[in-house]
Amino acid sequence: MRIIGGTFKSRIFRPGKSFKARPTTDFARENLFNILENRYEFENKKVLDLFSGTGSISFEFASRGCQNVTSVELDRFHHQFIGSVIETLGIKRIVKALNVDAFKFISRSAEGYDLIFADPPYELKQIAEIPNLILNSNLLNNEGLLILEHGKTNDFSSNPFFRELRKYGSVHFSFFSRIE
């Protein structure tokens, strides 16, 4: 896993060969952050990274100046890896790693976030439910943005909160917002 931009640009962390997560490709991450950096100032944004895997999205936000990132990952081994990177980078006050089920977090969290990134396993049966679960909760602030990473078999364009789709090879990002 390589951090693409910001303060920690070019830092490489190796989760090991037994790591089960499918990290977002460097190409897709770079393009996603090019879009986001042109739309937002990260310093004042509260970010949630659901289904964090390697934590690469959390670390990209922190590297680019975001001061409040919550990383949610159920797998204990993956969570430990995220924690070790947080420790190595010295960003304990910026990135909070939680070892919890993302669906339970969505249903129980009372906090609101400005940017939510969700990267569930592409084959997850409940993937189609994720946008509505988040958008019908208080998890996403009114002017916030939800980005859902998914494969080519998913189509969210009929969702009333869907705003755009970006494709980068096999990686697809659907953007959702309450604001048109």
N, C-alpha and C. Protein backbone atom coordinates (compact mmCIF):
# COMPACT_ATOMS: atom_id res chain seq x y z
N MET A 1 0.85 -1.17 0.00
CA MET A 1 0.00 0.00 0.00
C MET A 1 0.89 1.24 0.00
N ARG A 2 0.64 2.13 -0.95
CA ARG A 2 1.42 3.35 -1.07
C ARG A 2 0.50 4.55 -0.90
N ILE A 3 0.94 5.54 -0.12
CA ILE A 3 0.19 6.78 0.02
C ILE A 3 0.53 7.64 -1.18
N ILE A 4 -0.51 8.10 -1.88
CA ILE A 4 -0.36 8.77 -3.17
C ILE A 4 0.04 10.24 -3.07
N GLY A 5 -0.54 10.97 -2.10
CA GLY A 5 -0.27 12.41 -2.07
C GLY A 5 -0.22 12.96 -0.66
N GLY A 6 0.13 14.23 -0.56
CA GLY A 6 0.15 14.93 0.72
C GLY A 6 1.44 14.73 1.50
N THR A 7 1.34 14.99 2.78
CA THR A 7 2.48 14.95 3.69
C THR A 7 3.21 13.61 3.69
N PHE A 8 2.45 12.53 3.59
CA PHE A 8 3.04 11.18 3.66
C PHE A 8 3.21 10.56 2.29
N LYS A 9 3.20 11.39 1.25
CA LYS A 9 3.31 10.90 -0.12
C LYS A 9 4.51 9.97 -0.27
N SER A 10 4.29 8.89 -1.00
CA SER A 10 5.30 7.87 -1.33
C SER A 10 5.66 6.93 -0.18
N ARG A 11 5.04 7.11 0.99
CA ARG A 11 5.29 6.14 2.07
C ARG A 11 4.64 4.82 1.68
N ILE A 12 5.34 3.73 1.88
CA ILE A 12 4.86 2.41 1.51
C ILE A 12 4.74 1.55 2.77
N PHE A 13 3.61 0.85 2.88
CA PHE A 13 3.38 -0.07 3.99
C PHE A 13 2.94 -1.40 3.39
N ARG A 14 3.51 -2.46 3.89
CA ARG A 14 3.23 -3.79 3.34
C ARG A 14 2.40 -4.60 4.35
N PRO A 15 1.13 -4.83 4.00
CA PRO A 15 0.27 -5.57 4.92
C PRO A 15 0.58 -7.06 5.00
N GLY A 16 1.32 -7.59 4.09
CA GLY A 16 1.65 -9.02 4.09
C GLY A 16 0.83 -9.78 3.08
N LYS A 17 1.34 -10.92 2.68
CA LYS A 17 0.71 -11.71 1.62
C LYS A 17 -0.60 -12.35 2.06
N SER A 18 -0.79 -12.57 3.34
CA SER A 18 -2.02 -13.21 3.82
C SER A 18 -3.18 -12.22 4.00
N PHE A 19 -2.94 -10.97 3.69
CA PHE A 19 -3.96 -9.93 3.84
C PHE A 19 -5.10 -10.19 2.86
N LYS A 20 -6.34 -10.21 3.35
CA LYS A 20 -7.49 -10.59 2.53
C LYS A 20 -8.16 -9.42 1.81
N ALA A 21 -7.89 -8.21 2.20
CA ALA A 21 -8.58 -7.05 1.63
C ALA A 21 -8.13 -6.77 0.20
N ARG A 22 -9.02 -6.20 -0.59
CA ARG A 22 -8.73 -5.75 -1.95
C ARG A 22 -8.57 -4.23 -1.88
N PRO A 23 -7.34 -3.73 -1.80
CA PRO A 23 -7.17 -2.28 -1.67
C PRO A 23 -7.57 -1.55 -2.95
N THR A 24 -8.08 -0.34 -2.79
CA THR A 24 -8.38 0.50 -3.94
C THR A 24 -7.08 0.75 -4.68
N THR A 25 -7.10 0.60 -5.99
CA THR A 25 -5.87 0.75 -6.78
C THR A 25 -5.31 2.16 -6.66
N ASP A 26 -4.00 2.28 -6.83
CA ASP A 26 -3.36 3.59 -6.80
C ASP A 26 -3.97 4.51 -7.85
N PHE A 27 -4.21 3.98 -9.04
CA PHE A 27 -4.78 4.76 -10.14
C PHE A 27 -6.16 5.32 -9.76
N ALA A 28 -7.01 4.48 -9.20
CA ALA A 28 -8.35 4.91 -8.81
C ALA A 28 -8.29 5.91 -7.65
N ARG A 29 -7.44 5.64 -6.66
CA ARG A 29 -7.29 6.56 -5.52
C ARG A 29 -6.80 7.93 -5.97
N GLU A 30 -5.80 7.93 -6.85
CA GLU A 30 -5.25 9.19 -7.33
C GLU A 30 -6.33 10.01 -8.04
N ASN A 31 -7.11 9.37 -8.88
CA ASN A 31 -8.17 10.08 -9.59
C ASN A 31 -9.27 10.54 -8.65
N LEU A 32 -9.65 9.71 -7.69
CA LEU A 32 -10.66 10.11 -6.72
C LEU A 32 -10.20 11.34 -5.94
N PHE A 33 -8.98 11.33 -5.47
CA PHE A 33 -8.50 12.47 -4.68
C PHE A 33 -8.27 13.71 -5.54
N ASN A 34 -7.99 13.56 -6.81
CA ASN A 34 -7.95 14.73 -7.69
C ASN A 34 -9.30 15.40 -7.73
N ILE A 35 -10.36 14.61 -7.83
CA ILE A 35 -11.73 15.16 -7.82
C ILE A 35 -12.02 15.83 -6.49
N LEU A 36 -11.78 15.12 -5.40
CA LEU A 36 -12.11 15.63 -4.07
C LEU A 36 -11.32 16.88 -3.71
N GLU A 37 -10.04 16.91 -4.06
CA GLU A 37 -9.22 18.08 -3.73
C GLU A 37 -9.68 19.33 -4.47
N ASN A 38 -10.31 19.16 -5.63
CA ASN A 38 -10.84 20.31 -6.37
C ASN A 38 -12.18 20.78 -5.82
N ARG A 39 -12.81 19.98 -4.98
CA ARG A 39 -14.13 20.33 -4.44
C ARG A 39 -14.11 20.72 -2.97
N TYR A 40 -13.13 20.24 -2.22
CA TYR A 40 -13.15 20.39 -0.76
C TYR A 40 -11.82 20.84 -0.19
N GLU A 41 -11.92 21.53 0.93
CA GLU A 41 -10.78 21.80 1.80
C GLU A 41 -10.87 20.74 2.89
N PHE A 42 -9.91 19.86 2.98
CA PHE A 42 -9.99 18.73 3.90
C PHE A 42 -9.80 19.09 5.37
N GLU A 43 -9.10 20.17 5.65
CA GLU A 43 -8.73 20.50 7.02
C GLU A 43 -9.93 20.52 7.97
N ASN A 44 -11.06 21.02 7.50
CA ASN A 44 -12.23 21.15 8.36
C ASN A 44 -13.26 20.04 8.18
N LYS A 45 -12.93 19.02 7.44
CA LYS A 45 -13.88 17.95 7.15
C LYS A 45 -13.71 16.79 8.12
N LYS A 46 -14.84 16.24 8.52
CA LYS A 46 -14.87 15.05 9.35
C LYS A 46 -15.15 13.88 8.41
N VAL A 47 -14.25 12.88 8.39
CA VAL A 47 -14.30 11.81 7.40
C VAL A 47 -14.53 10.46 8.06
N LEU A 48 -15.35 9.63 7.41
CA LEU A 48 -15.58 8.26 7.84
C LEU A 48 -15.19 7.33 6.71
N ASP A 49 -14.36 6.35 7.02
CA ASP A 49 -13.92 5.34 6.06
C ASP A 49 -14.47 3.99 6.52
N LEU A 50 -15.52 3.53 5.84
CA LEU A 50 -16.17 2.26 6.20
C LEU A 50 -15.58 1.11 5.38
N PHE A 51 -15.48 -0.06 5.98
CA PHE A 51 -14.87 -1.23 5.34
C PHE A 51 -13.44 -0.86 4.94
N SER A 52 -12.66 -0.39 5.88
CA SER A 52 -11.36 0.25 5.63
C SER A 52 -10.30 -0.64 5.00
N GLY A 53 -10.33 -1.93 5.26
CA GLY A 53 -9.32 -2.82 4.67
C GLY A 53 -7.92 -2.45 5.12
N THR A 54 -7.11 -1.93 4.20
CA THR A 54 -5.75 -1.51 4.53
C THR A 54 -5.71 -0.14 5.21
N GLY A 55 -6.81 0.60 5.13
CA GLY A 55 -6.84 1.96 5.67
C GLY A 55 -6.31 2.99 4.69
N SER A 56 -6.05 2.59 3.45
CA SER A 56 -5.41 3.49 2.49
C SER A 56 -6.19 4.79 2.28
N ILE A 57 -7.51 4.72 2.27
CA ILE A 57 -8.31 5.93 2.08
C ILE A 57 -8.18 6.84 3.31
N SER A 58 -8.23 6.26 4.50
CA SER A 58 -8.04 7.04 5.73
C SER A 58 -6.70 7.76 5.72
N PHE A 59 -5.66 7.04 5.30
CA PHE A 59 -4.32 7.63 5.30
C PHE A 59 -4.18 8.71 4.22
N GLU A 60 -4.85 8.54 3.11
CA GLU A 60 -4.84 9.59 2.07
C GLU A 60 -5.47 10.87 2.61
N PHE A 61 -6.61 10.76 3.30
CA PHE A 61 -7.25 11.95 3.87
C PHE A 61 -6.35 12.60 4.90
N ALA A 62 -5.76 11.81 5.79
CA ALA A 62 -4.87 12.36 6.82
C ALA A 62 -3.64 13.01 6.18
N SER A 63 -3.10 12.39 5.16
CA SER A 63 -1.92 12.91 4.48
C SER A 63 -2.20 14.26 3.82
N ARG A 64 -3.45 14.47 3.44
CA ARG A 64 -3.83 15.70 2.75
C ARG A 64 -4.38 16.77 3.70
N GLY A 65 -4.22 16.56 5.01
CA GLY A 65 -4.55 17.60 5.96
C GLY A 65 -5.84 17.44 6.74
N CYS A 66 -6.58 16.38 6.50
CA CYS A 66 -7.80 16.14 7.26
C CYS A 66 -7.41 15.87 8.72
N GLN A 67 -8.11 16.50 9.65
CA GLN A 67 -7.76 16.39 11.06
C GLN A 67 -8.65 15.44 11.85
N ASN A 68 -9.67 14.85 11.19
CA ASN A 68 -10.60 13.99 11.91
C ASN A 68 -11.08 12.86 10.99
N VAL A 69 -10.47 11.69 11.13
CA VAL A 69 -10.80 10.54 10.28
C VAL A 69 -11.13 9.35 11.18
N THR A 70 -12.25 8.70 10.89
CA THR A 70 -12.62 7.48 11.60
C THR A 70 -12.56 6.34 10.59
N SER A 71 -11.80 5.32 10.94
CA SER A 71 -11.60 4.16 10.09
C SER A 71 -12.29 2.96 10.74
N VAL A 72 -13.26 2.36 10.04
CA VAL A 72 -14.03 1.25 10.57
C VAL A 72 -13.71 -0.02 9.80
N GLU A 73 -13.19 -1.02 10.52
CA GLU A 73 -12.82 -2.30 9.90
C GLU A 73 -13.13 -3.44 10.86
N LEU A 74 -13.86 -4.43 10.38
CA LEU A 74 -14.26 -5.57 11.20
C LEU A 74 -13.15 -6.59 11.41
N ASP A 75 -12.39 -6.90 10.37
CA ASP A 75 -11.36 -7.92 10.46
C ASP A 75 -10.27 -7.49 11.44
N ARG A 76 -10.04 -8.31 12.45
CA ARG A 76 -9.08 -7.97 13.51
C ARG A 76 -7.66 -7.79 12.98
N PHE A 77 -7.24 -8.64 12.05
CA PHE A 77 -5.90 -8.55 11.47
C PHE A 77 -5.73 -7.24 10.68
N HIS A 78 -6.75 -6.90 9.90
CA HIS A 78 -6.71 -5.65 9.12
C HIS A 78 -6.70 -4.45 10.06
N HIS A 79 -7.53 -4.51 11.10
CA HIS A 79 -7.59 -3.43 12.08
C HIS A 79 -6.22 -3.23 12.75
N GLN A 80 -5.54 -4.33 13.07
CA GLN A 80 -4.21 -4.22 13.68
C GLN A 80 -3.22 -3.58 12.72
N PHE A 81 -3.31 -3.92 11.43
CA PHE A 81 -2.44 -3.30 10.44
C PHE A 81 -2.69 -1.79 10.38
N ILE A 82 -3.95 -1.39 10.34
CA ILE A 82 -4.29 0.04 10.31
C ILE A 82 -3.71 0.72 11.55
N GLY A 83 -3.86 0.11 12.70
CA GLY A 83 -3.31 0.66 13.93
C GLY A 83 -1.81 0.81 13.89
N SER A 84 -1.12 -0.16 13.27
CA SER A 84 0.34 -0.07 13.19
C SER A 84 0.78 1.08 12.27
N VAL A 85 0.03 1.32 11.20
CA VAL A 85 0.37 2.44 10.31
C VAL A 85 0.09 3.77 11.01
N ILE A 86 -1.01 3.84 11.74
CA ILE A 86 -1.31 5.06 12.52
C ILE A 86 -0.16 5.36 13.47
N GLU A 87 0.30 4.33 14.14
CA GLU A 87 1.42 4.48 15.10
C GLU A 87 2.69 4.94 14.37
N THR A 88 3.01 4.30 13.26
CA THR A 88 4.22 4.64 12.51
C THR A 88 4.19 6.08 12.00
N LEU A 89 3.03 6.51 11.53
CA LEU A 89 2.90 7.87 11.00
C LEU A 89 2.72 8.92 12.09
N GLY A 90 2.44 8.49 13.31
CA GLY A 90 2.25 9.42 14.42
C GLY A 90 0.98 10.24 14.28
N ILE A 91 -0.11 9.59 13.88
CA ILE A 91 -1.36 10.33 13.63
C ILE A 91 -2.51 9.83 14.51
N LYS A 92 -2.20 9.44 15.74
CA LYS A 92 -3.23 8.94 16.66
C LYS A 92 -4.32 9.98 16.93
N ARG A 93 -3.97 11.23 16.92
CA ARG A 93 -4.96 12.29 17.18
C ARG A 93 -5.81 12.60 15.95
N ILE A 94 -5.41 12.10 14.82
CA ILE A 94 -6.10 12.40 13.56
C ILE A 94 -6.98 11.23 13.12
N VAL A 95 -6.41 10.03 13.12
CA VAL A 95 -7.13 8.84 12.64
C VAL A 95 -7.47 7.94 13.83
N LYS A 96 -8.76 7.66 13.95
CA LYS A 96 -9.25 6.75 14.98
C LYS A 96 -9.68 5.47 14.29
N ALA A 97 -9.08 4.35 14.66
CA ALA A 97 -9.41 3.06 14.06
C ALA A 97 -10.32 2.27 14.99
N LEU A 98 -11.47 1.85 14.44
CA LEU A 98 -12.43 1.08 15.21
C LEU A 98 -12.55 -0.33 14.64
N ASN A 99 -12.50 -1.32 15.50
CA ASN A 99 -12.64 -2.72 15.11
C ASN A 99 -14.10 -3.12 15.36
N VAL A 100 -14.96 -2.80 14.38
CA VAL A 100 -16.39 -3.01 14.53
C VAL A 100 -17.02 -3.27 13.16
N ASP A 101 -18.15 -3.94 13.15
CA ASP A 101 -18.91 -4.19 11.94
C ASP A 101 -19.45 -2.87 11.39
N ALA A 102 -19.26 -2.61 10.11
CA ALA A 102 -19.69 -1.35 9.51
C ALA A 102 -21.19 -1.15 9.60
N PHE A 103 -21.97 -2.21 9.43
CA PHE A 103 -23.43 -2.08 9.50
C PHE A 103 -23.89 -1.73 10.91
N LYS A 104 -23.26 -2.30 11.91
CA LYS A 104 -23.58 -1.94 13.30
C LYS A 104 -23.18 -0.49 13.57
N PHE A 105 -22.03 -0.09 13.04
CA PHE A 105 -21.58 1.29 13.22
C PHE A 105 -22.60 2.26 12.59
N ILE A 106 -23.05 1.96 11.39
CA ILE A 106 -24.02 2.82 10.70
C ILE A 106 -25.29 2.96 11.54
N SER A 107 -25.76 1.87 12.09
CA SER A 107 -27.03 1.91 12.83
C SER A 107 -26.91 2.53 14.22
N ARG A 108 -25.71 2.56 14.77
CA ARG A 108 -25.55 3.02 16.16
C ARG A 108 -24.87 4.37 16.33
N SER A 109 -24.14 4.82 15.33
CA SER A 109 -23.36 6.04 15.51
C SER A 109 -24.25 7.28 15.56
N ALA A 110 -23.95 8.15 16.50
CA ALA A 110 -24.69 9.40 16.63
C ALA A 110 -23.92 10.57 16.00
N GLU A 111 -22.72 10.31 15.54
CA GLU A 111 -21.89 11.36 14.95
C GLU A 111 -22.29 11.60 13.50
N GLY A 112 -22.03 12.81 13.03
CA GLY A 112 -22.24 13.14 11.63
C GLY A 112 -20.90 13.38 10.95
N TYR A 113 -20.83 13.04 9.67
CA TYR A 113 -19.59 13.16 8.91
C TYR A 113 -19.84 13.97 7.64
N ASP A 114 -18.81 14.68 7.21
CA ASP A 114 -18.88 15.48 5.99
C ASP A 114 -18.61 14.64 4.74
N LEU A 115 -17.70 13.71 4.87
CA LEU A 115 -17.34 12.81 3.76
C LEU A 115 -17.34 11.39 4.29
N ILE A 116 -18.06 10.52 3.59
CA ILE A 116 -18.07 9.10 3.95
C ILE A 116 -17.64 8.31 2.73
N PHE A 117 -16.64 7.48 2.93
CA PHE A 117 -16.18 6.58 1.88
C PHE A 117 -16.45 5.17 2.34
N ALA A 118 -17.15 4.40 1.50
CA ALA A 118 -17.44 3.00 1.83
C ALA A 118 -16.91 2.10 0.72
N ASP A 119 -16.09 1.14 1.11
CA ASP A 119 -15.49 0.21 0.15
C ASP A 119 -15.74 -1.23 0.62
N PRO A 120 -17.01 -1.66 0.54
CA PRO A 120 -17.31 -3.03 0.97
C PRO A 120 -16.78 -4.03 -0.04
N PRO A 121 -16.68 -5.29 0.37
CA PRO A 121 -16.34 -6.31 -0.63
C PRO A 121 -17.35 -6.26 -1.78
N TYR A 122 -16.87 -6.32 -2.99
CA TYR A 122 -17.75 -6.19 -4.15
C TYR A 122 -18.85 -7.25 -4.16
N GLU A 123 -18.57 -8.42 -3.60
CA GLU A 123 -19.55 -9.51 -3.62
C GLU A 123 -20.50 -9.47 -2.42
N LEU A 124 -20.39 -8.47 -1.56
CA LEU A 124 -21.25 -8.35 -0.38
C LEU A 124 -22.72 -8.27 -0.79
N LYS A 125 -23.54 -9.14 -0.24
CA LYS A 125 -24.96 -9.21 -0.61
C LYS A 125 -25.71 -7.91 -0.29
N GLN A 126 -25.33 -7.23 0.78
CA GLN A 126 -26.03 -6.02 1.21
C GLN A 126 -25.48 -4.74 0.60
N ILE A 127 -24.62 -4.84 -0.40
CA ILE A 127 -23.98 -3.65 -0.96
C ILE A 127 -25.02 -2.64 -1.48
N ALA A 128 -26.10 -3.12 -2.05
CA ALA A 128 -27.13 -2.22 -2.59
C ALA A 128 -27.86 -1.44 -1.50
N GLU A 129 -27.82 -1.94 -0.28
CA GLU A 129 -28.50 -1.27 0.84
C GLU A 129 -27.69 -0.13 1.44
N ILE A 130 -26.41 -0.13 1.22
CA ILE A 130 -25.52 0.80 1.92
C ILE A 130 -25.88 2.27 1.70
N PRO A 131 -26.10 2.73 0.46
CA PRO A 131 -26.43 4.17 0.31
C PRO A 131 -27.65 4.59 1.12
N ASN A 132 -28.73 3.83 1.05
CA ASN A 132 -29.94 4.21 1.79
C ASN A 132 -29.76 4.11 3.29
N LEU A 133 -29.02 3.10 3.76
CA LEU A 133 -28.76 3.00 5.20
C LEU A 133 -28.05 4.26 5.70
N ILE A 134 -27.08 4.71 4.95
CA ILE A 134 -26.31 5.90 5.36
C ILE A 134 -27.14 7.17 5.17
N LEU A 135 -27.78 7.31 4.03
CA LEU A 135 -28.51 8.54 3.73
C LEU A 135 -29.80 8.70 4.54
N ASN A 136 -30.33 7.60 5.06
CA ASN A 136 -31.52 7.67 5.89
C ASN A 136 -31.19 7.71 7.38
N SER A 137 -29.92 7.83 7.68
CA SER A 137 -29.47 7.97 9.07
C SER A 137 -28.95 9.39 9.25
N ASN A 138 -28.44 9.67 10.43
CA ASN A 138 -27.82 10.98 10.68
C ASN A 138 -26.31 10.94 10.48
N LEU A 139 -25.82 9.86 9.89
CA LEU A 139 -24.38 9.66 9.72
C LEU A 139 -23.76 10.68 8.76
N LEU A 140 -24.46 11.01 7.70
CA LEU A 140 -23.95 11.96 6.71
C LEU A 140 -24.56 13.33 6.98
N ASN A 141 -23.71 14.32 7.20
CA ASN A 141 -24.19 15.68 7.40
C ASN A 141 -24.98 16.14 6.18
N ASN A 142 -25.85 17.11 6.36
CA ASN A 142 -26.76 17.55 5.29
C ASN A 142 -26.06 17.91 3.99
N GLU A 143 -24.92 18.55 4.07
CA GLU A 143 -24.20 18.94 2.86
C GLU A 143 -23.06 17.97 2.55
N GLY A 144 -23.11 16.78 3.16
CA GLY A 144 -22.04 15.81 3.02
C GLY A 144 -22.10 15.02 1.73
N LEU A 145 -21.04 14.25 1.52
CA LEU A 145 -20.90 13.43 0.32
C LEU A 145 -20.58 11.99 0.74
N LEU A 146 -21.31 11.05 0.14
CA LEU A 146 -21.04 9.63 0.30
C LEU A 146 -20.44 9.12 -1.00
N ILE A 147 -19.32 8.41 -0.89
CA ILE A 147 -18.69 7.78 -2.04
C ILE A 147 -18.68 6.28 -1.77
N LEU A 148 -19.28 5.53 -2.67
CA LEU A 148 -19.33 4.09 -2.55
C LEU A 148 -18.50 3.47 -3.66
N GLU A 149 -17.50 2.69 -3.27
CA GLU A 149 -16.70 1.96 -4.25
C GLU A 149 -17.36 0.62 -4.50
N HIS A 150 -17.47 0.25 -5.78
CA HIS A 150 -18.11 -1.01 -6.13
C HIS A 150 -17.63 -1.48 -7.49
N GLY A 151 -18.03 -2.68 -7.84
CA GLY A 151 -17.67 -3.24 -9.13
C GLY A 151 -18.67 -2.85 -10.21
N LYS A 152 -18.44 -3.35 -11.41
CA LYS A 152 -19.25 -2.96 -12.56
C LYS A 152 -20.66 -3.54 -12.55
N THR A 153 -20.92 -4.54 -11.72
CA THR A 153 -22.25 -5.15 -11.72
C THR A 153 -23.29 -4.34 -10.95
N ASN A 154 -22.87 -3.35 -10.20
CA ASN A 154 -23.80 -2.53 -9.42
C ASN A 154 -24.14 -1.25 -10.16
N ASP A 155 -25.43 -0.88 -10.11
CA ASP A 155 -25.91 0.36 -10.72
C ASP A 155 -26.78 1.08 -9.70
N PHE A 156 -26.32 2.23 -9.28
CA PHE A 156 -27.03 3.01 -8.27
C PHE A 156 -27.71 4.25 -8.86
N SER A 157 -27.75 4.37 -10.17
CA SER A 157 -28.24 5.58 -10.82
C SER A 157 -29.71 5.88 -10.54
N SER A 158 -30.50 4.90 -10.12
CA SER A 158 -31.91 5.16 -9.84
C SER A 158 -32.14 5.66 -8.41
N ASN A 159 -31.11 5.64 -7.58
CA ASN A 159 -31.23 6.15 -6.22
C ASN A 159 -31.43 7.66 -6.28
N PRO A 160 -32.42 8.21 -5.56
CA PRO A 160 -32.68 9.66 -5.64
C PRO A 160 -31.52 10.54 -5.18
N PHE A 161 -30.59 9.98 -4.42
CA PHE A 161 -29.45 10.76 -3.93
C PHE A 161 -28.19 10.56 -4.79
N PHE A 162 -28.29 9.71 -5.80
CA PHE A 162 -27.15 9.46 -6.70
C PHE A 162 -26.84 10.74 -7.48
N ARG A 163 -25.54 11.08 -7.57
CA ARG A 163 -25.14 12.29 -8.28
C ARG A 163 -24.24 12.00 -9.49
N GLU A 164 -23.32 11.06 -9.34
CA GLU A 164 -22.44 10.75 -10.48
C GLU A 164 -21.73 9.43 -10.27
N LEU A 165 -21.21 8.91 -11.38
CA LEU A 165 -20.44 7.67 -11.38
C LEU A 165 -19.11 7.95 -12.05
N ARG A 166 -18.04 7.49 -11.44
CA ARG A 166 -16.71 7.57 -12.03
C ARG A 166 -16.15 6.16 -12.12
N LYS A 167 -15.57 5.83 -13.27
CA LYS A 167 -15.02 4.49 -13.51
C LYS A 167 -13.52 4.59 -13.77
N TYR A 168 -12.78 3.75 -13.08
CA TYR A 168 -11.33 3.67 -13.26
C TYR A 168 -10.96 2.20 -13.35
N GLY A 169 -10.99 1.67 -14.56
CA GLY A 169 -10.76 0.25 -14.76
C GLY A 169 -11.91 -0.53 -14.14
N SER A 170 -11.60 -1.48 -13.28
CA SER A 170 -12.64 -2.28 -12.63
C SER A 170 -13.21 -1.61 -11.39
N VAL A 171 -12.66 -0.45 -11.02
CA VAL A 171 -13.12 0.27 -9.83
C VAL A 171 -14.14 1.33 -10.25
N HIS A 172 -15.31 1.30 -9.58
CA HIS A 172 -16.36 2.27 -9.84
C HIS A 172 -16.65 3.03 -8.54
N PHE A 173 -16.80 4.34 -8.65
CA PHE A 173 -17.17 5.16 -7.51
C PHE A 173 -18.51 5.81 -7.81
N SER A 174 -19.50 5.54 -6.97
CA SER A 174 -20.79 6.23 -7.06
C SER A 174 -20.82 7.29 -5.97
N PHE A 175 -21.23 8.50 -6.36
CA PHE A 175 -21.30 9.63 -5.45
C PHE A 175 -22.76 9.90 -5.10
N PHE A 176 -23.03 10.13 -3.82
CA PHE A 176 -24.37 10.40 -3.34
C PHE A 176 -24.36 11.65 -2.46
N SER A 177 -25.41 12.44 -2.57
CA SER A 177 -25.54 13.64 -1.76
C SER A 177 -27.00 14.01 -1.63
N ARG A 178 -27.36 14.65 -0.54
CA ARG A 178 -28.72 15.15 -0.37
C ARG A 178 -28.93 16.44 -1.16
N ILE A 179 -27.84 17.08 -1.53
CA ILE A 179 -27.90 18.35 -2.26
C ILE A 179 -27.66 18.08 -3.74
N GLU A 180 -28.47 18.69 -4.58
CA GLU A 180 -28.29 18.50 -6.02
C GLU A 180 -27.26 19.45 -6.57
